[in-house]
Amino acid sequence: MDILISLLENDFLGSDVSLYFSESDALLENNSISNNIELQKTDAVVIYFRIESFSSCSFIGSMEVGGATLPVLDNQIVTYCTNNTNFLDAGDGFCSYL
């Protein structure tokens, strides 16, 4: 959850960010998520966030986290150019391939 908080803090500079499992908890500031949670690869969880500036609730929103499904690959044929150098790059934020 630290990553989500950091991303939101970058979007809402100078604000305090709290995470919750329900909108009502976010409104009432009850049961904030203080630890990381472990999700299965296919789990999708809605996380509510509360943005506060100067001790006043500025914004409550939500986002869906997780829920990735693995692609089904059938009969895939890959052809590489034999006389060229090929680079495989997952891009920023990824450290491995499936």
PDB file of N, CA and C in Angstrom:
ATOM      1  N   MET A   1       0.814  -1.191   0.000  1.00  0.00           N
ATOM      2  CA  MET A   1       0.000   0.000   0.000  1.00  0.00           C
ATOM      3  C   MET A   1       0.856   1.252   0.000  1.00  0.00           C
ATOM      4  N   ASP A   2       2.113   1.105   0.409  1.00  0.00           N
ATOM      5  CA  ASP A   2       3.004   2.264   0.423  1.00  0.00           C
ATOM      6  C   ASP A   2       3.170   2.857  -0.975  1.00  0.00           C
ATOM      7  N   ILE A   3       3.169   1.996  -1.997  1.00  0.00           N
ATOM      8  CA  ILE A   3       3.313   2.482  -3.372  1.00  0.00           C
ATOM      9  C   ILE A   3       2.096   3.311  -3.762  1.00  0.00           C
ATOM     10  N   LEU A   4       0.892   2.836  -3.412  1.00  0.00           N
ATOM     11  CA  LEU A   4      -0.316   3.594  -3.735  1.00  0.00           C
ATOM     12  C   LEU A   4      -0.315   4.945  -3.041  1.00  0.00           C
ATOM     13  N   ILE A   5       0.069   4.954  -1.781  1.00  0.00           N
ATOM     14  CA  ILE A   5       0.113   6.209  -1.035  1.00  0.00           C
ATOM     15  C   ILE A   5       1.114   7.168  -1.671  1.00  0.00           C
ATOM     16  N   SER A   6       2.279   6.658  -2.061  1.00  0.00           N
ATOM     17  CA  SER A   6       3.286   7.516  -2.698  1.00  0.00           C
ATOM     18  C   SER A   6       2.781   8.095  -4.011  1.00  0.00           C
ATOM     19  N   LEU A   7       2.113   7.269  -4.825  1.00  0.00           N
ATOM     20  CA  LEU A   7       1.573   7.751  -6.094  1.00  0.00           C
ATOM     21  C   LEU A   7       0.526   8.848  -5.868  1.00  0.00           C
ATOM     22  N   LEU A   8      -0.359   8.629  -4.901  1.00  0.00           N
ATOM     23  CA  LEU A   8      -1.385   9.629  -4.610  1.00  0.00           C
ATOM     24  C   LEU A   8      -0.781  10.904  -4.026  1.00  0.00           C
ATOM     25  N   GLU A   9       0.226  10.748  -3.167  1.00  0.00           N
ATOM     26  CA  GLU A   9       0.884  11.932  -2.599  1.00  0.00           C
ATOM     27  C   GLU A   9       1.567  12.759  -3.692  1.00  0.00           C
ATOM     28  N   ASN A  10       2.071  12.086  -4.725  1.00  0.00           N
ATOM     29  CA  ASN A  10       2.664  12.822  -5.851  1.00  0.00           C
ATOM     30  C   ASN A  10       1.598  13.581  -6.629  1.00  0.00           C
ATOM     31  N   ASP A  11       0.399  13.005  -6.734  1.00  0.00           N
ATOM     32  CA  ASP A  11      -0.694  13.673  -7.449  1.00  0.00           C
ATOM     33  C   ASP A  11      -1.321  14.799  -6.630  1.00  0.00           C
ATOM     34  N   PHE A  12      -1.301  14.656  -5.310  1.00  0.00           N
ATOM     35  CA  PHE A  12      -1.911  15.644  -4.410  1.00  0.00           C
ATOM     36  C   PHE A  12      -0.825  16.161  -3.467  1.00  0.00           C
ATOM     37  N   LEU A  13       0.088  16.930  -4.004  1.00  0.00           N
ATOM     38  CA  LEU A  13       1.237  17.414  -3.236  1.00  0.00           C
ATOM     39  C   LEU A  13       0.807  18.183  -1.997  1.00  0.00           C
ATOM     40  N   GLY A  14       1.507  17.918  -0.887  1.00  0.00           N
ATOM     41  CA  GLY A  14       1.237  18.625   0.354  1.00  0.00           C
ATOM     42  C   GLY A  14       0.028  18.115   1.117  1.00  0.00           C
ATOM     43  N   SER A  15      -0.568  17.017   0.651  1.00  0.00           N
ATOM     44  CA  SER A  15      -1.762  16.472   1.304  1.00  0.00           C
ATOM     45  C   SER A  15      -1.433  15.175   2.025  1.00  0.00           C
ATOM     46  N   ASP A  16      -2.274  14.832   2.987  1.00  0.00           N
ATOM     47  CA  ASP A  16      -2.171  13.546   3.665  1.00  0.00           C
ATOM     48  C   ASP A  16      -3.096  12.561   2.973  1.00  0.00           C
ATOM     49  N   VAL A  17      -2.621  11.337   2.785  1.00  0.00           N
ATOM     50  CA  VAL A  17      -3.385  10.307   2.078  1.00  0.00           C
ATOM     51  C   VAL A  17      -3.620   9.133   3.021  1.00  0.00           C
ATOM     52  N   SER A  18      -4.869   8.651   3.072  1.00  0.00           N
ATOM     53  CA  SER A  18      -5.227   7.464   3.844  1.00  0.00           C
ATOM     54  C   SER A  18      -5.993   6.515   2.933  1.00  0.00           C
ATOM     55  N   LEU A  19      -5.829   5.207   3.164  1.00  0.00           N
ATOM     56  CA  LEU A  19      -6.499   4.181   2.356  1.00  0.00           C
ATOM     57  C   LEU A  19      -7.487   3.395   3.203  1.00  0.00           C
ATOM     58  N   TYR A  20      -8.601   2.975   2.566  1.00  0.00           N
ATOM     59  CA  TYR A  20      -9.677   2.271   3.271  1.00  0.00           C
ATOM     60  C   TYR A  20     -10.286   1.210   2.348  1.00  0.00           C
ATOM     61  N   PHE A  21     -10.968   0.231   2.950  1.00  0.00           N
ATOM     62  CA  PHE A  21     -11.659  -0.797   2.176  1.00  0.00           C
ATOM     63  C   PHE A  21     -13.097  -0.422   1.825  1.00  0.00           C
ATOM     64  N   SER A  22     -13.636   0.638   2.436  1.00  0.00           N
ATOM     65  CA  SER A  22     -15.011   1.039   2.114  1.00  0.00           C
ATOM     66  C   SER A  22     -15.111   2.563   2.080  1.00  0.00           C
ATOM     67  N   GLU A  23     -16.093   3.040   1.329  1.00  0.00           N
ATOM     68  CA  GLU A  23     -16.316   4.483   1.235  1.00  0.00           C
ATOM     69  C   GLU A  23     -16.755   5.059   2.577  1.00  0.00           C
ATOM     70  N   SER A  24     -17.590   4.295   3.294  1.00  0.00           N
ATOM     71  CA  SER A  24     -18.060   4.801   4.590  1.00  0.00           C
ATOM     72  C   SER A  24     -16.908   4.919   5.582  1.00  0.00           C
ATOM     73  N   ASP A  25     -15.958   3.966   5.555  1.00  0.00           N
ATOM     74  CA  ASP A  25     -14.782   4.089   6.427  1.00  0.00           C
ATOM     75  C   ASP A  25     -13.955   5.318   6.049  1.00  0.00           C
ATOM     76  N   ALA A  26     -13.828   5.593   4.750  1.00  0.00           N
ATOM     77  CA  ALA A  26     -13.081   6.780   4.311  1.00  0.00           C
ATOM     78  C   ALA A  26     -13.768   8.060   4.787  1.00  0.00           C
ATOM     79  N   LEU A  27     -15.106   8.098   4.704  1.00  0.00           N
ATOM     80  CA  LEU A  27     -15.846   9.277   5.157  1.00  0.00           C
ATOM     81  C   LEU A  27     -15.695   9.502   6.656  1.00  0.00           C
ATOM     82  N   LEU A  28     -15.728   8.390   7.427  1.00  0.00           N
ATOM     83  CA  LEU A  28     -15.681   8.479   8.887  1.00  0.00           C
ATOM     84  C   LEU A  28     -14.268   8.353   9.459  1.00  0.00           C
ATOM     85  N   GLU A  29     -13.285   8.110   8.579  1.00  0.00           N
ATOM     86  CA  GLU A  29     -11.889   7.902   8.987  1.00  0.00           C
ATOM     87  C   GLU A  29     -11.751   6.731   9.955  1.00  0.00           C
ATOM     88  N   ASN A  30     -12.434   5.630   9.650  1.00  0.00           N
ATOM     89  CA  ASN A  30     -12.369   4.409  10.463  1.00  0.00           C
ATOM     90  C   ASN A  30     -11.621   3.316   9.707  1.00  0.00           C
ATOM     91  N   ASN A  31     -10.889   2.498  10.445  1.00  0.00           N
ATOM     92  CA  ASN A  31     -10.280   1.276   9.896  1.00  0.00           C
ATOM     93  C   ASN A  31      -9.396   1.532   8.678  1.00  0.00           C
ATOM     94  N   SER A  32      -8.505   2.484   8.778  1.00  0.00           N
ATOM     95  CA  SER A  32      -7.611   2.734   7.642  1.00  0.00           C
ATOM     96  C   SER A  32      -6.695   1.532   7.436  1.00  0.00           C
ATOM     97  N   ILE A  33      -6.275   1.349   6.203  1.00  0.00           N
ATOM     98  CA  ILE A  33      -5.354   0.261   5.868  1.00  0.00           C
ATOM     99  C   ILE A  33      -3.951   0.736   6.222  1.00  0.00           C
ATOM    100  N   SER A  34      -3.352   0.075   7.200  1.00  0.00           N
ATOM    101  CA  SER A  34      -2.036   0.515   7.654  1.00  0.00           C
ATOM    102  C   SER A  34      -0.918  -0.424   7.225  1.00  0.00           C
ATOM    103  N   ASN A  35      -1.283  -1.618   6.774  1.00  0.00           N
ATOM    104  CA  ASN A  35      -0.283  -2.595   6.364  1.00  0.00           C
ATOM    105  C   ASN A  35      -0.488  -2.965   4.903  1.00  0.00           C
ATOM    106  N   ASN A  36       0.533  -3.553   4.324  1.00  0.00           N
ATOM    107  CA  ASN A  36       0.382  -4.084   2.972  1.00  0.00           C
ATOM    108  C   ASN A  36      -0.571  -5.260   2.998  1.00  0.00           C
ATOM    109  N   ILE A  37      -1.316  -5.452   1.931  1.00  0.00           N
ATOM    110  CA  ILE A  37      -2.211  -6.593   1.822  1.00  0.00           C
ATOM    111  C   ILE A  37      -1.725  -7.476   0.683  1.00  0.00           C
ATOM    112  N   GLU A  38      -1.940  -8.760   0.804  1.00  0.00           N
ATOM    113  CA  GLU A  38      -1.512  -9.693  -0.222  1.00  0.00           C
ATOM    114  C   GLU A  38      -2.715 -10.098  -1.061  1.00  0.00           C
ATOM    115  N   LEU A  39      -2.599  -9.946  -2.364  1.00  0.00           N
ATOM    116  CA  LEU A  39      -3.667 -10.298  -3.285  1.00  0.00           C
ATOM    117  C   LEU A  39      -3.215 -11.450  -4.161  1.00  0.00           C
ATOM    118  N   GLN A  40      -4.151 -12.315  -4.489  1.00  0.00           N
ATOM    119  CA  GLN A  40      -3.867 -13.324  -5.493  1.00  0.00           C
ATOM    120  C   GLN A  40      -3.807 -12.625  -6.843  1.00  0.00           C
ATOM    121  N   LYS A  41      -3.198 -13.248  -7.839  1.00  0.00           N
ATOM    122  CA  LYS A  41      -3.023 -12.605  -9.147  1.00  0.00           C
ATOM    123  C   LYS A  41      -4.342 -12.189  -9.774  1.00  0.00           C
ATOM    124  N   THR A  42      -5.416 -12.928  -9.500  1.00  0.00           N
ATOM    125  CA  THR A  42      -6.685 -12.621 -10.151  1.00  0.00           C
ATOM    126  C   THR A  42      -7.648 -11.854  -9.254  1.00  0.00           C
ATOM    127  N   ASP A  43      -7.239 -11.551  -8.018  1.00  0.00           N
ATOM    128  CA  ASP A  43      -8.104 -10.788  -7.115  1.00  0.00           C
ATOM    129  C   ASP A  43      -8.180  -9.331  -7.554  1.00  0.00           C
ATOM    130  N   ALA A  44      -9.367  -8.784  -7.500  1.00  0.00           N
ATOM    131  CA  ALA A  44      -9.552  -7.352  -7.732  1.00  0.00           C
ATOM    132  C   ALA A  44     -10.200  -6.762  -6.487  1.00  0.00           C
ATOM    133  N   VAL A  45      -9.602  -5.740  -5.930  1.00  0.00           N
ATOM    134  CA  VAL A  45     -10.085  -5.117  -4.706  1.00  0.00           C
ATOM    135  C   VAL A  45     -10.249  -3.623  -4.957  1.00  0.00           C
ATOM    136  N   VAL A  46     -11.361  -3.070  -4.508  1.00  0.00           N
ATOM    137  CA  VAL A  46     -11.562  -1.628  -4.601  1.00  0.00           C
ATOM    138  C   VAL A  46     -11.000  -1.008  -3.326  1.00  0.00           C
ATOM    139  N   ILE A  47     -10.083  -0.067  -3.511  1.00  0.00           N
ATOM    140  CA  ILE A  47      -9.471   0.656  -2.398  1.00  0.00           C
ATOM    141  C   ILE A  47      -9.973   2.098  -2.469  1.00  0.00           C
ATOM    142  N   TYR A  48     -10.440   2.601  -1.344  1.00  0.00           N
ATOM    143  CA  TYR A  48     -10.900   3.989  -1.261  1.00  0.00           C
ATOM    144  C   TYR A  48      -9.783   4.818  -0.639  1.00  0.00           C
ATOM    145  N   PHE A  49      -9.598   6.017  -1.145  1.00  0.00           N
ATOM    146  CA  PHE A  49      -8.571   6.889  -0.584  1.00  0.00           C
ATOM    147  C   PHE A  49      -9.188   8.212  -0.164  1.00  0.00           C
ATOM    148  N   ARG A  50      -8.612   8.749   0.895  1.00  0.00           N
ATOM    149  CA  ARG A  50      -9.052  10.038   1.441  1.00  0.00           C
ATOM    150  C   ARG A  50      -7.867  10.981   1.376  1.00  0.00           C
ATOM    151  N   ILE A  51      -8.072  12.110   0.732  1.00  0.00           N
ATOM    152  CA  ILE A  51      -7.040  13.132   0.597  1.00  0.00           C
ATOM    153  C   ILE A  51      -7.404  14.289   1.516  1.00  0.00           C
ATOM    154  N   GLU A  52      -6.485  14.642   2.411  1.00  0.00           N
ATOM    155  CA  GLU A  52      -6.739  15.748   3.334  1.00  0.00           C
ATOM    156  C   GLU A  52      -5.688  16.828   3.179  1.00  0.00           C
ATOM    157  N   SER A  53      -6.153  18.063   3.161  1.00  0.00           N
ATOM    158  CA  SER A  53      -5.268  19.223   3.158  1.00  0.00           C
ATOM    159  C   SER A  53      -5.665  20.113   4.325  1.00  0.00           C
ATOM    160  N   PHE A  54      -4.703  20.459   5.139  1.00  0.00           N
ATOM    161  CA  PHE A  54      -4.941  21.341   6.289  1.00  0.00           C
ATOM    162  C   PHE A  54      -6.034  20.790   7.199  1.00  0.00           C
ATOM    163  N   SER A  55      -5.983  19.467   7.482  1.00  0.00           N
ATOM    164  CA  SER A  55      -6.914  18.770   8.393  1.00  0.00           C
ATOM    165  C   SER A  55      -8.362  18.818   7.933  1.00  0.00           C
ATOM    166  N   SER A  56      -8.589  19.027   6.674  1.00  0.00           N
ATOM    167  CA  SER A  56      -9.937  19.046   6.122  1.00  0.00           C
ATOM    168  C   SER A  56     -10.000  18.064   4.965  1.00  0.00           C
ATOM    169  N   CYS A  57     -11.072  17.283   4.894  1.00  0.00           N
ATOM    170  CA  CYS A  57     -11.215  16.309   3.815  1.00  0.00           C
ATOM    171  C   CYS A  57     -11.399  17.054   2.499  1.00  0.00           C
ATOM    172  N   SER A  58     -10.464  16.863   1.596  1.00  0.00           N
ATOM    173  CA  SER A  58     -10.529  17.531   0.308  1.00  0.00           C
ATOM    174  C   SER A  58     -11.149  16.656  -0.768  1.00  0.00           C
ATOM    175  N   PHE A  59     -10.958  15.340  -0.629  1.00  0.00           N
ATOM    176  CA  PHE A  59     -11.361  14.467  -1.723  1.00  0.00           C
ATOM    177  C   PHE A  59     -11.406  13.026  -1.242  1.00  0.00           C
ATOM    178  N   ILE A  60     -12.428  12.283  -1.670  1.00  0.00           N
ATOM    179  CA  ILE A  60     -12.487  10.831  -1.461  1.00  0.00           C
ATOM    180  C   ILE A  60     -12.699  10.202  -2.823  1.00  0.00           C
ATOM    181  N   GLY A  61     -11.884   9.215  -3.137  1.00  0.00           N
ATOM    182  CA  GLY A  61     -11.990   8.542  -4.423  1.00  0.00           C
ATOM    183  C   GLY A  61     -11.744   7.060  -4.252  1.00  0.00           C
ATOM    184  N   SER A  62     -11.782   6.355  -5.346  1.00  0.00           N
ATOM    185  CA  SER A  62     -11.540   4.912  -5.283  1.00  0.00           C
ATOM    186  C   SER A  62     -10.780   4.463  -6.515  1.00  0.00           C
ATOM    187  N   MET A  63     -10.147   3.293  -6.386  1.00  0.00           N
ATOM    188  CA  MET A  63      -9.450   2.672  -7.498  1.00  0.00           C
ATOM    189  C   MET A  63      -9.519   1.161  -7.335  1.00  0.00           C
ATOM    190  N   GLU A  64      -9.516   0.462  -8.446  1.00  0.00           N
ATOM    191  CA  GLU A  64      -9.498  -0.993  -8.408  1.00  0.00           C
ATOM    192  C   GLU A  64      -8.057  -1.450  -8.530  1.00  0.00           C
ATOM    193  N   VAL A  65      -7.645  -2.289  -7.597  1.00  0.00           N
ATOM    194  CA  VAL A  65      -6.273  -2.779  -7.552  1.00  0.00           C
ATOM    195  C   VAL A  65      -6.291  -4.280  -7.815  1.00  0.00           C
ATOM    196  N   GLY A  66      -5.379  -4.736  -8.644  1.00  0.00           N
ATOM    197  CA  GLY A  66      -5.285  -6.168  -8.951  1.00  0.00           C
ATOM    198  C   GLY A  66      -6.233  -6.546 -10.062  1.00  0.00           C
ATOM    199  N   GLY A  67      -6.616  -7.794 -10.071  1.00  0.00           N
ATOM    200  CA  GLY A  67      -7.558  -8.279 -11.068  1.00  0.00           C
ATOM    201  C   GLY A  67      -6.931  -8.611 -12.396  1.00  0.00           C
ATOM    202  N   ALA A  68      -5.626  -8.776 -12.417  1.00  0.00           N
ATOM    203  CA  ALA A  68      -4.971  -9.131 -13.677  1.00  0.00           C
ATOM    204  C   ALA A  68      -5.254 -10.583 -14.018  1.00  0.00           C
ATOM    205  N   THR A  69      -5.506 -10.825 -15.257  1.00  0.00           N
ATOM    206  CA  THR A  69      -5.690 -12.202 -15.715  1.00  0.00           C
ATOM    207  C   THR A  69      -4.547 -12.560 -16.648  1.00  0.00           C
ATOM    208  N   LEU A  70      -4.137 -13.785 -16.558  1.00  0.00           N
ATOM    209  CA  LEU A  70      -3.062 -14.255 -17.415  1.00  0.00           C
ATOM    210  C   LEU A  70      -3.602 -14.508 -18.816  1.00  0.00           C
ATOM    211  N   PRO A  71      -2.882 -14.090 -19.830  1.00  0.00           N
ATOM    212  CA  PRO A  71      -3.351 -14.328 -21.195  1.00  0.00           C
ATOM    213  C   PRO A  71      -3.247 -15.805 -21.567  1.00  0.00           C
ATOM    214  N   VAL A  72      -4.121 -16.230 -22.427  1.00  0.00           N
ATOM    215  CA  VAL A  72      -4.070 -17.596 -22.944  1.00  0.00           C
ATOM    216  C   VAL A  72      -3.407 -17.532 -24.310  1.00  0.00           C
ATOM    217  N   LEU A  73      -2.292 -18.211 -24.446  1.00  0.00           N
ATOM    218  CA  LEU A  73      -1.549 -18.207 -25.696  1.00  0.00           C
ATOM    219  C   LEU A  73      -1.605 -19.600 -26.312  1.00  0.00           C
ATOM    220  N   ASP A  74      -2.227 -19.707 -27.459  1.00  0.00           N
ATOM    221  CA  ASP A  74      -2.319 -20.983 -28.167  1.00  0.00           C
ATOM    222  C   ASP A  74      -1.613 -20.883 -29.502  1.00  0.00           C
ATOM    223  N   ASN A  75      -0.778 -21.878 -29.782  1.00  0.00           N
ATOM    224  CA  ASN A  75      -0.131 -21.999 -31.090  1.00  0.00           C
ATOM    225  C   ASN A  75       0.547 -20.713 -31.532  1.00  0.00           C
ATOM    226  N   GLN A  76       1.355 -20.144 -30.667  1.00  0.00           N
ATOM    227  CA  GLN A  76       2.059 -18.914 -30.998  1.00  0.00           C
ATOM    228  C   GLN A  76       3.339 -19.230 -31.760  1.00  0.00           C
ATOM    229  N   ILE A  77       3.568 -18.535 -32.847  1.00  0.00           N
ATOM    230  CA  ILE A  77       4.788 -18.680 -33.638  1.00  0.00           C
ATOM    231  C   ILE A  77       5.513 -17.345 -33.597  1.00  0.00           C
ATOM    232  N   VAL A  78       6.776 -17.396 -33.206  1.00  0.00           N
ATOM    233  CA  VAL A  78       7.591 -16.190 -33.119  1.00  0.00           C
ATOM    234  C   VAL A  78       8.744 -16.320 -34.098  1.00  0.00           C
ATOM    235  N   THR A  79       8.935 -15.308 -34.926  1.00  0.00           N
ATOM    236  CA  THR A  79      10.042 -15.297 -35.877  1.00  0.00           C
ATOM    237  C   THR A  79      10.937 -14.122 -35.557  1.00  0.00           C
ATOM    238  N   TYR A  80      12.214 -14.392 -35.365  1.00  0.00           N
ATOM    239  CA  TYR A  80      13.187 -13.343 -35.072  1.00  0.00           C
ATOM    240  C   TYR A  80      13.996 -13.047 -36.321  1.00  0.00           C
ATOM    241  N   CYS A  81      14.367 -11.811 -36.482  1.00  0.00           N
ATOM    242  CA  CYS A  81      15.253 -11.435 -37.581  1.00  0.00           C
ATOM    243  C   CYS A  81      16.645 -11.974 -37.263  1.00  0.00           C
ATOM    244  N   THR A  82      17.168 -12.799 -38.118  1.00  0.00           N
ATOM    245  CA  THR A  82      18.425 -13.491 -37.811  1.00  0.00           C
ATOM    246  C   THR A  82      19.657 -12.619 -37.938  1.00  0.00           C
ATOM    247  N   ASN A  83      19.604 -11.541 -38.696  1.00  0.00           N
ATOM    248  CA  ASN A  83      20.784 -10.702 -38.898  1.00  0.00           C
ATOM    249  C   ASN A  83      20.730  -9.418 -38.087  1.00  0.00           C
ATOM    250  N   ASN A  84      19.797  -9.321 -37.173  1.00  0.00           N
ATOM    251  CA  ASN A  84      19.653  -8.111 -36.368  1.00  0.00           C
ATOM    252  C   ASN A  84      19.778  -8.438 -34.888  1.00  0.00           C
ATOM    253  N   THR A  85      20.073  -7.418 -34.087  1.00  0.00           N
ATOM    254  CA  THR A  85      20.070  -7.554 -32.645  1.00  0.00           C
ATOM    255  C   THR A  85      18.684  -7.178 -32.149  1.00  0.00           C
ATOM    256  N   ASN A  86      18.083  -8.020 -31.313  1.00  0.00           N
ATOM    257  CA  ASN A  86      16.747  -7.769 -30.776  1.00  0.00           C
ATOM    258  C   ASN A  86      16.837  -7.538 -29.276  1.00  0.00           C
ATOM    259  N   PHE A  87      16.127  -6.519 -28.800  1.00  0.00           N
ATOM    260  CA  PHE A  87      16.095  -6.208 -27.382  1.00  0.00           C
ATOM    261  C   PHE A  87      14.686  -6.435 -26.860  1.00  0.00           C
ATOM    262  N   LEU A  88      14.596  -7.089 -25.719  1.00  0.00           N
ATOM    263  CA  LEU A  88      13.315  -7.318 -25.058  1.00  0.00           C
ATOM    264  C   LEU A  88      13.300  -6.463 -23.805  1.00  0.00           C
ATOM    265  N   ASP A  89      12.378  -5.507 -23.735  1.00  0.00           N
ATOM    266  CA  ASP A  89      12.324  -4.560 -22.623  1.00  0.00           C
ATOM    267  C   ASP A  89      10.889  -4.451 -22.141  1.00  0.00           C
ATOM    268  N   ALA A  90      10.650  -4.804 -20.871  1.00  0.00           N
ATOM    269  CA  ALA A  90       9.306  -4.746 -20.309  1.00  0.00           C
ATOM    270  C   ALA A  90       8.882  -3.319 -19.991  1.00  0.00           C
ATOM    271  N   GLY A  91       9.811  -2.394 -19.919  1.00  0.00           N
ATOM    272  CA  GLY A  91       9.480  -1.012 -19.594  1.00  0.00           C
ATOM    273  C   GLY A  91       9.647  -0.718 -18.114  1.00  0.00           C
ATOM    274  N   ASP A  92       9.495   0.532 -17.763  1.00  0.00           N
ATOM    275  CA  ASP A  92       9.655   0.964 -16.373  1.00  0.00           C
ATOM    276  C   ASP A  92       8.635   0.287 -15.477  1.00  0.00           C
ATOM    277  N   GLY A  93       9.052  -0.094 -14.287  1.00  0.00           N
ATOM    278  CA  GLY A  93       8.140  -0.666 -13.309  1.00  0.00           C
ATOM    279  C   GLY A  93       8.023  -2.170 -13.380  1.00  0.00           C
ATOM    280  N   PHE A  94       8.671  -2.799 -14.346  1.00  0.00           N
ATOM    281  CA  PHE A  94       8.605  -4.254 -14.462  1.00  0.00           C
ATOM    282  C   PHE A  94      10.009  -4.819 -14.274  1.00  0.00           C
ATOM    283  N   CYS A  95      10.099  -5.911 -13.526  1.00  0.00           N
ATOM    284  CA  CYS A  95      11.419  -6.490 -13.275  1.00  0.00           C
ATOM    285  C   CYS A  95      11.546  -7.906 -13.817  1.00  0.00           C
ATOM    286  N   SER A  96      10.458  -8.500 -14.344  1.00  0.00           N
ATOM    287  CA  SER A  96      10.558  -9.847 -14.887  1.00  0.00           C
ATOM    288  C   SER A  96       9.439 -10.092 -15.874  1.00  0.00           C
ATOM    289  N   TYR A  97       9.581 -11.177 -16.592  1.00  0.00           N
ATOM    290  CA  TYR A  97       8.575 -11.605 -17.558  1.00  0.00           C
ATOM    291  C   TYR A  97       7.904 -12.865 -17.036  1.00  0.00           C
ATOM    292  N   LEU A  98       6.692 -13.145 -17.497  1.00  0.00           N
ATOM    293  CA  LEU A  98       6.009 -14.369 -17.091  1.00  0.00           C
ATOM    294  C   LEU A  98       6.657 -15.561 -17.719  1.00  0.00           C
TER     295      LEU A  98
END
